Amino acid sequence: MKLHVFPTADEVLRALAEYFIDRAAQAIERRGRFAVALSGGSSPKKLYELLASPAYRERVAWDQTYFFFGDERNVSQTSPDSNYLMAKKALFDPLAIRRAQVFAVDTELKPAEAAAQYCVDIEEFFGEKKAKFDLVLLGLGDNAHTASLFPYTPVLQDKTVGVKEVWLPEQQVYR
């Protein structure tokens, strides 16, 4: 494991964008596609905007890139709290990403049903092979959560499924 330290947030973003571009190129060369799990929340928005900017947009084969979400809030996809909506505005719309390339959680379903359906969507995309993303972007929330995995929640002990709804009693919400 390597630890990279950068003096400014802008340098971190540029390094992340370069890493994203490199991973995309390698995956597309090897398998003809790039499967990335996006992070939600406020942290990654600037990265997505940078990737969609004129300086970076031509450096990725976007038509061979497939987007998934490492987590999602149980809100409508039109809600300002939706991770999907943030990625749509910052990345998908500016790059004219086709809807067929975006695998969003169906938040119109009940949380357990949405999680089960998302698991099916991922399995169908990867086919008979075990799901293996080329890149998984993760942020770290102010309470040390990542990908809707919150400290001390029961989901951390669940080893039966790949996608699971998470109830947060202190916030009275599902993720």
C-alpha atoms as a PDB file:
ATOM      1  CA  MET A   1       0.000   0.000   0.000  1.00  0.00           C
ATOM      2  CA  LYS A   2       1.251   3.458  -0.869  1.00  0.00           C
ATOM      3  CA  LEU A   3       0.292   6.629   0.919  1.00  0.00           C
ATOM      4  CA  HIS A   4       0.194   9.727  -1.257  1.00  0.00           C
ATOM      5  CA  VAL A   5       0.231  13.153   0.367  1.00  0.00           C
ATOM      6  CA  PHE A   6      -0.673  16.266  -1.599  1.00  0.00           C
ATOM      7  CA  PRO A   7      -0.273  19.877  -0.512  1.00  0.00           C
ATOM      8  CA  THR A   8      -3.622  21.031  -1.921  1.00  0.00           C
ATOM      9  CA  ALA A   9      -7.085  19.666  -2.637  1.00  0.00           C
ATOM     10  CA  ASP A  10      -6.677  20.594  -6.310  1.00  0.00           C
ATOM     11  CA  GLU A  11      -3.575  18.413  -6.571  1.00  0.00           C
ATOM     12  CA  VAL A  12      -5.459  15.514  -4.987  1.00  0.00           C
ATOM     13  CA  LEU A  13      -8.262  15.931  -7.527  1.00  0.00           C
ATOM     14  CA  ARG A  14      -5.864  16.024 -10.475  1.00  0.00           C
ATOM     15  CA  ALA A  15      -4.061  12.909  -9.217  1.00  0.00           C
ATOM     16  CA  LEU A  16      -7.394  11.110  -8.754  1.00  0.00           C
ATOM     17  CA  ALA A  17      -8.490  12.121 -12.248  1.00  0.00           C
ATOM     18  CA  GLU A  18      -5.234  10.769 -13.701  1.00  0.00           C
ATOM     19  CA  TYR A  19      -5.665   7.531 -11.750  1.00  0.00           C
ATOM     20  CA  PHE A  20      -9.260   7.200 -12.998  1.00  0.00           C
ATOM     21  CA  ILE A  21      -8.093   7.737 -16.592  1.00  0.00           C
ATOM     22  CA  ASP A  22      -5.287   5.188 -16.218  1.00  0.00           C
ATOM     23  CA  ARG A  23      -7.570   2.531 -14.700  1.00  0.00           C
ATOM     24  CA  ALA A  24     -10.163   3.129 -17.425  1.00  0.00           C
ATOM     25  CA  ALA A  25      -7.592   2.728 -20.193  1.00  0.00           C
ATOM     26  CA  GLN A  26      -6.206  -0.480 -18.675  1.00  0.00           C
ATOM     27  CA  ALA A  27      -9.650  -2.036 -18.190  1.00  0.00           C
ATOM     28  CA  ILE A  28     -10.828  -1.144 -21.681  1.00  0.00           C
ATOM     29  CA  GLU A  29      -7.639  -2.529 -23.212  1.00  0.00           C
ATOM     30  CA  ARG A  30      -8.014  -5.811 -21.271  1.00  0.00           C
ATOM     31  CA  ARG A  31     -11.788  -6.355 -21.279  1.00  0.00           C
ATOM     32  CA  GLY A  32     -13.278  -3.815 -23.638  1.00  0.00           C
ATOM     33  CA  ARG A  33     -15.089  -2.003 -20.835  1.00  0.00           C
ATOM     34  CA  PHE A  34     -14.529  -0.099 -17.608  1.00  0.00           C
ATOM     35  CA  ALA A  35     -16.828  -0.741 -14.628  1.00  0.00           C
ATOM     36  CA  VAL A  36     -16.600   1.875 -11.896  1.00  0.00           C
ATOM     37  CA  ALA A  37     -18.494   2.171  -8.614  1.00  0.00           C
ATOM     38  CA  LEU A  38     -18.993   5.814  -7.776  1.00  0.00           C
ATOM     39  CA  SER A  39     -18.942   7.282  -4.322  1.00  0.00           C
ATOM     40  CA  GLY A  40     -21.824   9.374  -3.113  1.00  0.00           C
ATOM     41  CA  GLY A  41     -22.070  12.388  -0.901  1.00  0.00           C
ATOM     42  CA  SER A  42     -20.356  15.717  -1.377  1.00  0.00           C
ATOM     43  CA  SER A  43     -16.712  14.577  -1.537  1.00  0.00           C
ATOM     44  CA  PRO A  44     -16.566  13.239  -5.118  1.00  0.00           C
ATOM     45  CA  LYS A  45     -18.547  15.979  -6.876  1.00  0.00           C
ATOM     46  CA  LYS A  46     -15.441  18.018  -7.742  1.00  0.00           C
ATOM     47  CA  LEU A  47     -13.739  14.918  -9.156  1.00  0.00           C
ATOM     48  CA  TYR A  48     -16.724  14.193 -11.398  1.00  0.00           C
ATOM     49  CA  GLU A  49     -16.798  17.805 -12.583  1.00  0.00           C
ATOM     50  CA  LEU A  50     -13.066  17.674 -13.314  1.00  0.00           C
ATOM     51  CA  LEU A  51     -13.413  14.450 -15.319  1.00  0.00           C
ATOM     52  CA  ALA A  52     -16.184  16.091 -17.377  1.00  0.00           C
ATOM     53  CA  SER A  53     -14.121  19.236 -17.974  1.00  0.00           C
ATOM     54  CA  PRO A  54     -12.479  20.011 -21.341  1.00  0.00           C
ATOM     55  CA  ALA A  55      -9.040  19.116 -19.950  1.00  0.00           C
ATOM     56  CA  TYR A  56     -10.078  15.512 -19.188  1.00  0.00           C
ATOM     57  CA  ARG A  57     -13.252  14.591 -21.057  1.00  0.00           C
ATOM     58  CA  GLU A  58     -11.523  13.365 -24.233  1.00  0.00           C
ATOM     59  CA  ARG A  59      -9.108  11.132 -22.329  1.00  0.00           C
ATOM     60  CA  VAL A  60     -11.628   8.415 -21.389  1.00  0.00           C
ATOM     61  CA  ALA A  61     -13.619   6.142 -23.696  1.00  0.00           C
ATOM     62  CA  TRP A  62     -16.886   7.103 -22.011  1.00  0.00           C
ATOM     63  CA  ASP A  63     -18.937   4.932 -24.350  1.00  0.00           C
ATOM     64  CA  GLN A  64     -17.159   1.900 -22.861  1.00  0.00           C
ATOM     65  CA  THR A  65     -17.549   3.041 -19.253  1.00  0.00           C
ATOM     66  CA  TYR A  66     -20.272   1.653 -16.977  1.00  0.00           C
ATOM     67  CA  PHE A  67     -21.268   3.366 -13.757  1.00  0.00           C
ATOM     68  CA  PHE A  68     -22.524   1.843 -10.522  1.00  0.00           C
ATOM     69  CA  PHE A  69     -23.014   3.316  -7.064  1.00  0.00           C
ATOM     70  CA  GLY A  70     -21.272   2.173  -3.908  1.00  0.00           C
ATOM     71  CA  ASP A  71     -24.121   3.662  -1.918  1.00  0.00           C
ATOM     72  CA  GLU A  72     -27.337   5.585  -2.330  1.00  0.00           C
ATOM     73  CA  ARG A  73     -29.722   7.401  -0.074  1.00  0.00           C
ATOM     74  CA  ASN A  74     -33.287   6.110  -0.020  1.00  0.00           C
ATOM     75  CA  VAL A  75     -34.693   9.219  -1.701  1.00  0.00           C
ATOM     76  CA  SER A  76     -36.136   9.941  -5.124  1.00  0.00           C
ATOM     77  CA  GLN A  77     -33.577  10.240  -7.918  1.00  0.00           C
ATOM     78  CA  THR A  78     -34.752  13.841  -8.303  1.00  0.00           C
ATOM     79  CA  SER A  79     -34.027  14.707  -4.660  1.00  0.00           C
ATOM     80  CA  PRO A  80     -31.084  17.020  -3.946  1.00  0.00           C
ATOM     81  CA  ASP A  81     -29.925  14.304  -1.500  1.00  0.00           C
ATOM     82  CA  SER A  82     -29.668  11.681  -4.267  1.00  0.00           C
ATOM     83  CA  ASN A  83     -26.161  10.455  -5.083  1.00  0.00           C
ATOM     84  CA  TYR A  84     -27.446   9.551  -8.542  1.00  0.00           C
ATOM     85  CA  LEU A  85     -28.668  13.110  -9.179  1.00  0.00           C
ATOM     86  CA  MET A  86     -25.335  14.576  -8.093  1.00  0.00           C
ATOM     87  CA  ALA A  87     -23.432  12.258 -10.470  1.00  0.00           C
ATOM     88  CA  LYS A  88     -25.956  12.926 -13.241  1.00  0.00           C
ATOM     89  CA  LYS A  89     -25.461  16.681 -13.017  1.00  0.00           C
ATOM     90  CA  ALA A  90     -21.699  16.610 -12.480  1.00  0.00           C
ATOM     91  CA  LEU A  91     -20.708  13.758 -14.822  1.00  0.00           C
ATOM     92  CA  PHE A  92     -23.395  11.965 -16.832  1.00  0.00           C
ATOM     93  CA  ASP A  93     -25.161  14.969 -18.372  1.00  0.00           C
ATOM     94  CA  PRO A  94     -22.020  16.940 -19.319  1.00  0.00           C
ATOM     95  CA  LEU A  95     -20.563  13.814 -20.980  1.00  0.00           C
ATOM     96  CA  ALA A  96     -23.861  12.700 -22.574  1.00  0.00           C
ATOM     97  CA  ILE A  97     -23.573   9.283 -20.899  1.00  0.00           C
ATOM     98  CA  ARG A  98     -26.294   6.928 -22.135  1.00  0.00           C
ATOM     99  CA  ARG A  99     -28.780   5.727 -19.519  1.00  0.00           C
ATOM    100  CA  ALA A 100     -27.891   2.108 -20.395  1.00  0.00           C
ATOM    101  CA  GLN A 101     -24.391   2.759 -19.017  1.00  0.00           C
ATOM    102  CA  VAL A 102     -25.661   3.915 -15.622  1.00  0.00           C
ATOM    103  CA  PHE A 103     -26.770   1.360 -13.045  1.00  0.00           C
ATOM    104  CA  ALA A 104     -28.622   3.345 -10.401  1.00  0.00           C
ATOM    105  CA  VAL A 105     -30.444   1.992  -7.373  1.00  0.00           C
ATOM    106  CA  ASP A 106     -34.210   1.998  -7.941  1.00  0.00           C
ATOM    107  CA  THR A 107     -35.163   4.111  -4.950  1.00  0.00           C
ATOM    108  CA  GLU A 108     -38.854   3.905  -5.840  1.00  0.00           C
ATOM    109  CA  LEU A 109     -38.797   0.352  -4.433  1.00  0.00           C
ATOM    110  CA  LYS A 110     -38.856  -0.467  -0.728  1.00  0.00           C
ATOM    111  CA  PRO A 111     -35.283  -0.455   0.645  1.00  0.00           C
ATOM    112  CA  ALA A 112     -34.888  -4.259   0.904  1.00  0.00           C
ATOM    113  CA  GLU A 113     -36.383  -4.734  -2.570  1.00  0.00           C
ATOM    114  CA  ALA A 114     -34.155  -2.007  -4.012  1.00  0.00           C
ATOM    115  CA  ALA A 115     -31.056  -3.669  -2.538  1.00  0.00           C
ATOM    116  CA  ALA A 116     -32.070  -7.099  -3.861  1.00  0.00           C
ATOM    117  CA  GLN A 117     -32.797  -5.698  -7.320  1.00  0.00           C
ATOM    118  CA  TYR A 118     -29.501  -3.817  -7.395  1.00  0.00           C
ATOM    119  CA  CYS A 119     -27.691  -7.047  -6.539  1.00  0.00           C
ATOM    120  CA  VAL A 120     -29.438  -8.704  -9.515  1.00  0.00           C
ATOM    121  CA  ASP A 121     -28.517  -5.768 -11.778  1.00  0.00           C
ATOM    122  CA  ILE A 122     -24.854  -6.099 -10.823  1.00  0.00           C
ATOM    123  CA  GLU A 123     -24.870  -9.887 -11.264  1.00  0.00           C
ATOM    124  CA  GLU A 124     -26.508  -9.575 -14.687  1.00  0.00           C
ATOM    125  CA  PHE A 125     -23.942  -7.015 -15.821  1.00  0.00           C
ATOM    126  CA  PHE A 126     -20.993  -9.188 -14.840  1.00  0.00           C
ATOM    127  CA  GLY A 127     -22.637 -12.399 -16.049  1.00  0.00           C
ATOM    128  CA  GLU A 128     -21.284 -15.697 -14.829  1.00  0.00           C
ATOM    129  CA  LYS A 129     -18.121 -14.079 -13.550  1.00  0.00           C
ATOM    130  CA  LYS A 130     -17.976 -12.825  -9.994  1.00  0.00           C
ATOM    131  CA  ALA A 131     -18.591  -9.076  -9.855  1.00  0.00           C
ATOM    132  CA  LYS A 132     -15.256  -7.310 -10.047  1.00  0.00           C
ATOM    133  CA  PHE A 133     -15.209  -3.571 -10.478  1.00  0.00           C
ATOM    134  CA  ASP A 134     -12.220  -1.993 -12.160  1.00  0.00           C
ATOM    135  CA  LEU A 135     -12.362   0.933  -9.764  1.00  0.00           C
ATOM    136  CA  VAL A 136     -14.328   1.615  -6.588  1.00  0.00           C
ATOM    137  CA  LEU A 137     -14.326   5.209  -5.397  1.00  0.00           C
ATOM    138  CA  LEU A 138     -14.878   5.601  -1.666  1.00  0.00           C
ATOM    139  CA  GLY A 139     -15.262   8.674   0.472  1.00  0.00           C
ATOM    140  CA  LEU A 140     -15.154   8.931   4.233  1.00  0.00           C
ATOM    141  CA  GLY A 141     -18.044  10.570   6.057  1.00  0.00           C
ATOM    142  CA  ASP A 142     -17.740  12.744   9.125  1.00  0.00           C
ATOM    143  CA  ASN A 143     -18.740   9.823  11.354  1.00  0.00           C
ATOM    144  CA  ALA A 144     -16.250   7.421   9.713  1.00  0.00           C
ATOM    145  CA  HIS A 145     -18.766   5.786   7.364  1.00  0.00           C
ATOM    146  CA  THR A 146     -17.947   4.742   3.841  1.00  0.00           C
ATOM    147  CA  ALA A 147     -20.344   3.387   1.199  1.00  0.00           C
ATOM    148  CA  SER A 148     -23.242   3.534   3.699  1.00  0.00           C
ATOM    149  CA  LEU A 149     -21.290   1.261   6.031  1.00  0.00           C
ATOM    150  CA  PHE A 150     -21.732   3.063   9.325  1.00  0.00           C
ATOM    151  CA  PRO A 151     -19.846   2.112  12.486  1.00  0.00           C
ATOM    152  CA  TYR A 152     -21.714  -0.288  14.775  1.00  0.00           C
ATOM    153  CA  THR A 153     -24.556  -1.031  12.340  1.00  0.00           C
ATOM    154  CA  PRO A 154     -25.682  -4.675  11.946  1.00  0.00           C
ATOM    155  CA  VAL A 155     -24.874  -4.708   8.222  1.00  0.00           C
ATOM    156  CA  LEU A 156     -21.179  -4.873   9.118  1.00  0.00           C
ATOM    157  CA  GLN A 157     -21.754  -8.416  10.416  1.00  0.00           C
ATOM    158  CA  ASP A 158     -23.848  -9.561   7.425  1.00  0.00           C
ATOM    159  CA  LYS A 159     -21.852 -11.808   5.120  1.00  0.00           C
ATOM    160  CA  THR A 160     -24.747 -13.202   3.055  1.00  0.00           C
ATOM    161  CA  VAL A 161     -25.384 -10.606   0.355  1.00  0.00           C
ATOM    162  CA  GLY A 162     -23.439  -8.118  -1.724  1.00  0.00           C
ATOM    163  CA  VAL A 163     -26.026  -5.335  -1.570  1.00  0.00           C
ATOM    164  CA  LYS A 164     -27.994  -4.564   1.574  1.00  0.00           C
ATOM    165  CA  GLU A 165     -30.272  -1.834   2.848  1.00  0.00           C
ATOM    166  CA  VAL A 166     -28.975  -0.011   5.917  1.00  0.00           C
ATOM    167  CA  TRP A 167     -31.262   1.512   8.546  1.00  0.00           C
ATOM    168  CA  LEU A 168     -29.827   4.468  10.450  1.00  0.00           C
ATOM    169  CA  PRO A 169     -31.957   4.883  13.577  1.00  0.00           C
ATOM    170  CA  GLU A 170     -30.366   8.167  14.666  1.00  0.00           C
ATOM    171  CA  GLN A 171     -31.289   9.717  11.290  1.00  0.00           C
ATOM    172  CA  GLN A 172     -34.479   7.670  10.794  1.00  0.00           C
ATOM    173  CA  VAL A 173     -33.494   6.885   7.191  1.00  0.00           C
ATOM    174  CA  TYR A 174     -32.562   3.951   4.994  1.00  0.00           C
ATOM    175  CA  ARG A 175     -29.561   3.926   2.727  1.00  0.00           C
END
